[in-house]
N, C-alpha and C. Protein backbone atom coordinates (compact mmCIF):
# COMPACT_ATOMS: atom_id res chain seq x y z
N MET A 1 0.87 -1.16 -0.03
CA MET A 1 0.00 -0.02 -0.03
C MET A 1 0.92 1.23 0.02
N ASP A 2 0.42 2.27 -0.68
CA ASP A 2 1.17 3.52 -0.72
C ASP A 2 1.27 4.07 0.66
N LYS A 3 2.48 4.61 1.03
CA LYS A 3 2.65 5.20 2.35
C LYS A 3 1.69 6.40 2.62
N LYS A 4 1.45 7.13 1.57
CA LYS A 4 0.56 8.29 1.78
C LYS A 4 -0.85 7.79 2.17
N LEU A 5 -1.37 6.81 1.40
CA LEU A 5 -2.73 6.26 1.72
C LEU A 5 -2.67 5.57 3.07
N ASP A 6 -1.59 4.86 3.37
CA ASP A 6 -1.57 4.17 4.67
C ASP A 6 -1.64 5.18 5.83
N GLY A 7 -1.01 6.26 5.73
CA GLY A 7 -1.01 7.34 6.72
C GLY A 7 -2.41 7.94 6.86
N VAL A 8 -3.12 8.10 5.73
CA VAL A 8 -4.43 8.69 5.77
C VAL A 8 -5.37 7.70 6.41
N SER A 9 -5.33 6.46 6.10
CA SER A 9 -6.27 5.50 6.60
C SER A 9 -6.06 5.27 8.12
N SER A 10 -4.81 5.29 8.53
CA SER A 10 -4.63 5.22 10.03
C SER A 10 -5.04 6.38 10.74
N GLY A 11 -4.96 7.60 10.13
CA GLY A 11 -5.42 8.79 10.72
C GLY A 11 -6.87 8.81 10.87
N LEU A 12 -7.60 8.29 9.81
CA LEU A 12 -9.02 8.22 9.88
C LEU A 12 -9.47 7.24 10.98
N ALA A 13 -8.71 6.18 11.21
CA ALA A 13 -9.08 5.22 12.21
C ALA A 13 -8.98 5.92 13.60
N ARG A 14 -7.95 6.74 13.76
CA ARG A 14 -7.79 7.43 15.02
C ARG A 14 -8.95 8.38 15.30
N VAL A 15 -9.36 9.09 14.24
CA VAL A 15 -10.46 10.00 14.43
C VAL A 15 -11.77 9.26 14.78
N GLY A 16 -11.94 8.17 14.08
CA GLY A 16 -13.17 7.40 14.25
C GLY A 16 -13.31 6.77 15.66
N LYS A 17 -12.17 6.54 16.31
CA LYS A 17 -12.24 5.93 17.62
C LYS A 17 -12.72 6.86 18.73
N SER A 18 -12.55 8.22 18.43
CA SER A 18 -13.01 9.07 19.43
C SER A 18 -13.79 10.24 18.79
N LEU A 19 -15.04 10.39 19.25
CA LEU A 19 -15.88 11.46 18.74
C LEU A 19 -15.83 12.63 19.72
N ASN A 20 -14.70 12.71 20.48
CA ASN A 20 -14.65 13.76 21.51
C ASN A 20 -14.73 15.19 20.91
N VAL A 21 -14.28 15.28 19.67
CA VAL A 21 -14.33 16.58 18.92
C VAL A 21 -15.77 17.07 18.87
N PHE A 22 -16.75 16.27 18.92
CA PHE A 22 -18.14 16.66 18.86
C PHE A 22 -18.81 16.77 20.24
N HIS A 23 -18.08 16.42 21.28
CA HIS A 23 -18.68 16.48 22.61
C HIS A 23 -18.86 17.91 23.08
N GLY A 24 -19.99 18.14 23.65
CA GLY A 24 -20.29 19.40 24.31
C GLY A 24 -19.94 19.31 25.77
N VAL A 25 -19.90 20.38 26.46
CA VAL A 25 -19.61 20.41 27.90
C VAL A 25 -20.72 19.70 28.68
N ARG A 26 -21.96 19.89 28.25
CA ARG A 26 -23.03 19.25 28.84
C ARG A 26 -24.11 18.97 27.79
N ALA A 27 -24.93 18.00 28.06
CA ALA A 27 -26.05 17.65 27.10
C ALA A 27 -27.04 18.77 26.96
N PRO A 28 -27.40 19.15 25.71
CA PRO A 28 -28.44 20.17 25.46
C PRO A 28 -29.79 19.78 26.21
N ASN A 29 -30.55 20.76 26.51
CA ASN A 29 -31.81 20.61 27.21
C ASN A 29 -32.93 20.16 26.25
N ILE A 30 -32.68 20.32 24.91
CA ILE A 30 -33.65 20.13 23.91
C ILE A 30 -33.62 18.62 23.49
N SER A 31 -34.79 18.00 23.30
CA SER A 31 -34.80 16.57 22.88
C SER A 31 -34.38 16.50 21.39
N ILE A 32 -34.04 15.29 21.01
CA ILE A 32 -33.60 15.15 19.64
C ILE A 32 -34.65 15.39 18.64
N VAL A 33 -35.91 14.98 19.04
CA VAL A 33 -37.07 15.17 18.13
C VAL A 33 -37.32 16.71 17.95
N LYS A 34 -37.27 17.42 19.06
CA LYS A 34 -37.48 18.86 19.01
C LYS A 34 -36.36 19.54 18.21
N TYR A 35 -35.12 19.00 18.40
CA TYR A 35 -33.96 19.63 17.70
C TYR A 35 -34.08 19.38 16.24
N LEU A 36 -34.50 18.20 15.79
CA LEU A 36 -34.72 17.92 14.36
C LEU A 36 -35.81 18.78 13.77
N GLU A 37 -36.86 18.97 14.52
CA GLU A 37 -38.03 19.81 14.12
C GLU A 37 -37.48 21.25 13.85
N ARG A 38 -36.62 21.73 14.78
CA ARG A 38 -36.09 23.15 14.63
C ARG A 38 -35.23 23.19 13.42
N LEU A 39 -34.38 22.17 13.25
CA LEU A 39 -33.48 22.16 12.07
C LEU A 39 -34.33 22.21 10.78
N TYR A 40 -35.39 21.48 10.73
CA TYR A 40 -36.20 21.46 9.54
C TYR A 40 -36.98 22.83 9.39
N LYS A 41 -37.40 23.40 10.45
CA LYS A 41 -38.17 24.64 10.40
C LYS A 41 -37.24 25.81 9.99
N TYR A 42 -36.03 25.90 10.46
CA TYR A 42 -35.16 27.08 10.30
C TYR A 42 -34.09 26.90 9.22
N THR A 43 -34.02 25.79 8.59
CA THR A 43 -33.11 25.59 7.51
C THR A 43 -33.90 25.37 6.16
N SER A 44 -33.23 25.41 5.10
CA SER A 44 -33.95 25.11 3.86
C SER A 44 -33.62 23.70 3.33
N CYS A 45 -33.32 22.83 4.26
CA CYS A 45 -33.00 21.45 3.90
C CYS A 45 -34.21 20.63 3.48
N SER A 46 -34.09 19.92 2.47
CA SER A 46 -35.22 19.01 2.04
C SER A 46 -35.30 17.89 3.02
N PRO A 47 -36.48 17.20 3.09
CA PRO A 47 -36.60 16.05 3.97
C PRO A 47 -35.58 14.94 3.67
N SER A 48 -35.17 14.77 2.48
CA SER A 48 -34.18 13.79 2.11
C SER A 48 -32.90 14.01 2.76
N CYS A 49 -32.56 15.26 3.05
CA CYS A 49 -31.27 15.54 3.80
C CYS A 49 -31.23 14.87 5.14
N PHE A 50 -32.39 14.81 5.80
CA PHE A 50 -32.47 14.25 7.08
C PHE A 50 -32.29 12.70 7.04
N VAL A 51 -32.79 12.16 6.02
CA VAL A 51 -32.64 10.67 5.77
C VAL A 51 -31.18 10.38 5.49
N VAL A 52 -30.56 11.16 4.62
CA VAL A 52 -29.19 10.92 4.25
C VAL A 52 -28.25 11.24 5.46
N GLY A 53 -28.61 12.26 6.27
CA GLY A 53 -27.88 12.49 7.45
C GLY A 53 -27.86 11.38 8.40
N TYR A 54 -29.00 10.68 8.57
CA TYR A 54 -29.11 9.52 9.43
C TYR A 54 -28.23 8.41 8.85
N VAL A 55 -28.25 8.28 7.50
CA VAL A 55 -27.38 7.21 6.89
C VAL A 55 -25.93 7.48 7.20
N TYR A 56 -25.52 8.75 7.10
CA TYR A 56 -24.14 9.15 7.50
C TYR A 56 -23.73 8.75 8.92
N ILE A 57 -24.63 9.00 9.81
CA ILE A 57 -24.33 8.63 11.27
C ILE A 57 -24.34 7.11 11.32
N ASP A 58 -25.25 6.48 10.70
CA ASP A 58 -25.32 4.94 10.74
C ASP A 58 -24.06 4.34 10.17
N ARG A 59 -23.54 4.94 9.05
CA ARG A 59 -22.31 4.43 8.49
C ARG A 59 -21.11 4.67 9.47
N LEU A 60 -21.12 5.83 10.08
CA LEU A 60 -20.04 6.14 11.05
C LEU A 60 -20.02 5.08 12.17
N THR A 61 -21.20 4.79 12.74
CA THR A 61 -21.26 3.86 13.82
C THR A 61 -20.93 2.46 13.35
N HIS A 62 -21.22 2.07 12.19
CA HIS A 62 -20.84 0.76 11.69
C HIS A 62 -19.32 0.66 11.34
N LYS A 63 -18.81 1.72 10.77
CA LYS A 63 -17.44 1.67 10.42
C LYS A 63 -16.51 1.81 11.68
N HIS A 64 -17.00 2.47 12.70
CA HIS A 64 -16.23 2.65 13.93
C HIS A 64 -17.17 2.29 15.14
N PRO A 65 -17.36 1.00 15.38
CA PRO A 65 -18.29 0.60 16.40
C PRO A 65 -17.80 1.01 17.79
N ASP A 66 -16.62 1.30 18.00
CA ASP A 66 -16.14 1.77 19.32
C ASP A 66 -16.43 3.23 19.55
N SER A 67 -16.90 3.93 18.57
CA SER A 67 -17.37 5.30 18.77
C SER A 67 -18.71 5.40 19.29
N LEU A 68 -18.93 6.12 20.36
CA LEU A 68 -20.26 6.19 20.93
C LEU A 68 -20.98 7.47 20.53
N VAL A 69 -22.24 7.32 20.15
CA VAL A 69 -23.11 8.45 19.94
C VAL A 69 -23.85 8.60 21.25
N ILE A 70 -23.56 9.66 22.00
CA ILE A 70 -24.17 9.91 23.31
C ILE A 70 -24.79 11.29 23.36
N SER A 71 -25.42 11.54 24.51
CA SER A 71 -26.12 12.83 24.61
C SER A 71 -25.19 14.11 24.51
N LEU A 72 -23.89 13.87 24.72
CA LEU A 72 -22.96 14.99 24.63
C LEU A 72 -22.58 15.29 23.16
N ASN A 73 -22.80 14.42 22.24
CA ASN A 73 -22.41 14.66 20.86
C ASN A 73 -23.52 14.39 19.81
N VAL A 74 -24.64 13.94 20.18
CA VAL A 74 -25.64 13.52 19.21
C VAL A 74 -26.23 14.77 18.49
N HIS A 75 -26.46 15.83 19.19
CA HIS A 75 -26.96 17.09 18.56
C HIS A 75 -25.96 17.61 17.48
N ARG A 76 -24.73 17.65 17.88
CA ARG A 76 -23.69 18.12 16.91
C ARG A 76 -23.51 17.21 15.74
N LEU A 77 -23.56 15.91 16.05
CA LEU A 77 -23.45 14.93 14.90
C LEU A 77 -24.71 15.09 13.95
N LEU A 78 -25.86 15.31 14.51
CA LEU A 78 -27.01 15.47 13.69
C LEU A 78 -26.88 16.71 12.78
N VAL A 79 -26.57 17.88 13.34
CA VAL A 79 -26.48 19.10 12.55
C VAL A 79 -25.41 18.97 11.45
N THR A 80 -24.25 18.37 11.82
CA THR A 80 -23.13 18.18 10.87
C THR A 80 -23.56 17.29 9.72
N SER A 81 -24.17 16.15 10.10
CA SER A 81 -24.51 15.16 9.02
C SER A 81 -25.61 15.75 8.18
N VAL A 82 -26.59 16.49 8.70
CA VAL A 82 -27.66 17.07 7.88
C VAL A 82 -27.06 18.20 6.99
N MET A 83 -26.11 18.98 7.58
CA MET A 83 -25.48 19.96 6.74
C MET A 83 -24.66 19.40 5.55
N VAL A 84 -23.94 18.35 5.85
CA VAL A 84 -23.19 17.69 4.71
C VAL A 84 -24.18 17.08 3.68
N ALA A 85 -25.23 16.49 4.17
CA ALA A 85 -26.22 15.95 3.26
C ALA A 85 -26.87 17.08 2.41
N SER A 86 -27.03 18.19 3.02
CA SER A 86 -27.61 19.35 2.33
C SER A 86 -26.68 19.85 1.21
N LYS A 87 -25.40 19.90 1.57
CA LYS A 87 -24.40 20.31 0.59
C LYS A 87 -24.37 19.33 -0.57
N MET A 88 -24.61 18.05 -0.28
CA MET A 88 -24.56 17.02 -1.28
C MET A 88 -25.83 17.05 -2.12
N LEU A 89 -26.95 17.25 -1.53
CA LEU A 89 -28.26 17.09 -2.25
C LEU A 89 -28.87 18.39 -2.74
N ASP A 90 -28.81 19.43 -1.87
CA ASP A 90 -29.55 20.64 -2.17
C ASP A 90 -28.81 21.79 -2.79
N ASP A 91 -27.50 21.79 -2.66
CA ASP A 91 -26.76 22.92 -3.25
C ASP A 91 -26.77 22.84 -4.76
N VAL A 92 -26.80 24.04 -5.35
CA VAL A 92 -26.90 24.11 -6.83
C VAL A 92 -25.43 24.16 -7.36
């Protein structure tokens, strides 16, 4: 394997093992359902962005099963995955 690719893949493995970068200091007071409703209401994302965002989080948890999606990071993971899906699906 190319050394450059080997370094990239091992770096990705390190990132996947820890989702600390998404951790908040404390869990938000808003429920996940209410948070998703607010995202839908105040963004111009199509409903398909929310489905694809869920798929992104699902793929993350399957690719890195030791990464935990917990109350400290779930809201940030949701907004990030929906934003990326929006860039992929809704941007012109």
